[in-house]
Amino acid sequence: MKTTTLPPAILRRADVCKVTGLSYSTIWRLEAAGQFPGRVQLAANSVGWHAAEVDAWLGNRARVGAAVAV
């Protein structure tokens, strides 16, 4: 049985904004501060983000109203 591995899913800018609910400028600021996954250069004028990294970032965000450990 032959197994096939799919390439990692890439989200384009509009998809990242839609999934996160953040504006592109906010994503850019977070990325520049090292607080958001880095982009991947797809072509000369094209970038994207690994979907798994964006999903992991979302999963690590604190829920609103969640108790903060002291």
Protein backbone atom coordinates (compact mmCIF):
# COMPACT_ATOMS: atom_id res chain seq x y z
CA MET A 1 0.00 0.00 0.00
CA LYS A 2 1.43 3.32 -1.06
CA THR A 3 1.01 6.27 1.29
CA THR A 4 0.86 9.76 -0.02
CA THR A 5 1.71 12.78 2.05
CA LEU A 6 -0.02 15.99 1.20
CA PRO A 7 1.89 19.26 1.28
CA PRO A 8 1.06 21.47 4.26
CA ALA A 9 -2.04 23.60 3.80
CA ILE A 10 -1.28 27.25 3.16
CA LEU A 11 -3.62 30.10 4.10
CA ARG A 12 -3.50 33.28 2.09
CA ARG A 13 -3.90 36.73 3.64
CA ALA A 14 -7.70 36.96 3.35
CA ASP A 15 -8.05 33.46 4.82
CA VAL A 16 -5.81 34.30 7.80
CA CYS A 17 -7.84 37.45 8.49
CA LYS A 18 -11.07 35.49 8.25
CA VAL A 19 -9.89 32.61 10.48
CA THR A 20 -8.38 34.84 13.18
CA GLY A 21 -10.84 37.73 13.03
CA LEU A 22 -7.88 40.13 12.97
CA SER A 23 -7.11 42.86 10.47
CA TYR A 24 -4.06 42.48 8.25
CA SER A 25 -2.30 45.37 10.01
CA THR A 26 -2.79 43.66 13.39
CA ILE A 27 -1.45 40.38 12.00
CA TRP A 28 1.54 42.26 10.57
CA ARG A 29 2.25 43.95 13.95
CA LEU A 30 1.98 40.65 15.85
CA GLU A 31 4.21 38.91 13.30
CA ALA A 32 6.81 41.69 13.50
CA ALA A 33 6.81 41.35 17.31
CA GLY A 34 7.29 37.58 17.06
CA GLN A 35 3.82 36.91 18.48
CA PHE A 36 2.26 35.40 15.34
CA PRO A 37 3.48 32.66 13.00
CA GLY A 38 5.81 33.83 10.26
CA ARG A 39 4.74 34.00 6.66
CA VAL A 40 6.03 31.76 3.89
CA GLN A 41 7.20 33.20 0.57
CA LEU A 42 5.24 31.37 -2.16
CA ALA A 43 6.40 33.40 -5.16
CA ALA A 44 7.93 36.79 -5.87
CA ASN A 45 4.76 38.67 -4.87
CA SER A 46 2.88 36.01 -2.94
CA VAL A 47 2.95 34.95 0.70
CA GLY A 48 0.93 32.63 2.91
CA TRP A 49 0.90 31.06 6.36
CA HIS A 50 0.99 27.39 7.32
CA ALA A 51 -2.56 26.51 8.41
CA ALA A 52 -1.29 24.23 11.19
CA GLU A 53 0.79 27.07 12.70
CA VAL A 54 -2.15 29.49 12.60
CA ASP A 55 -4.42 26.82 14.16
CA ALA A 56 -1.85 26.20 16.91
CA TRP A 57 -1.57 29.94 17.55
CA LEU A 58 -5.36 30.18 17.88
CA GLY A 59 -5.41 27.19 20.21
CA ASN A 60 -2.86 28.85 22.50
CA ARG A 61 -4.85 32.06 22.87
CA ALA A 62 -6.55 32.59 26.25
CA ARG A 63 -10.33 32.41 26.24
CA VAL A 64 -12.18 35.58 27.22
CA GLY A 65 -13.32 35.31 30.81
CA ALA A 66 -11.02 32.39 31.60
CA ALA A 67 -9.36 32.44 34.99
CA VAL A 68 -5.73 33.52 34.90
CA ALA A 69 -3.33 31.34 36.87
CA VAL A 70 -1.31 33.29 39.43
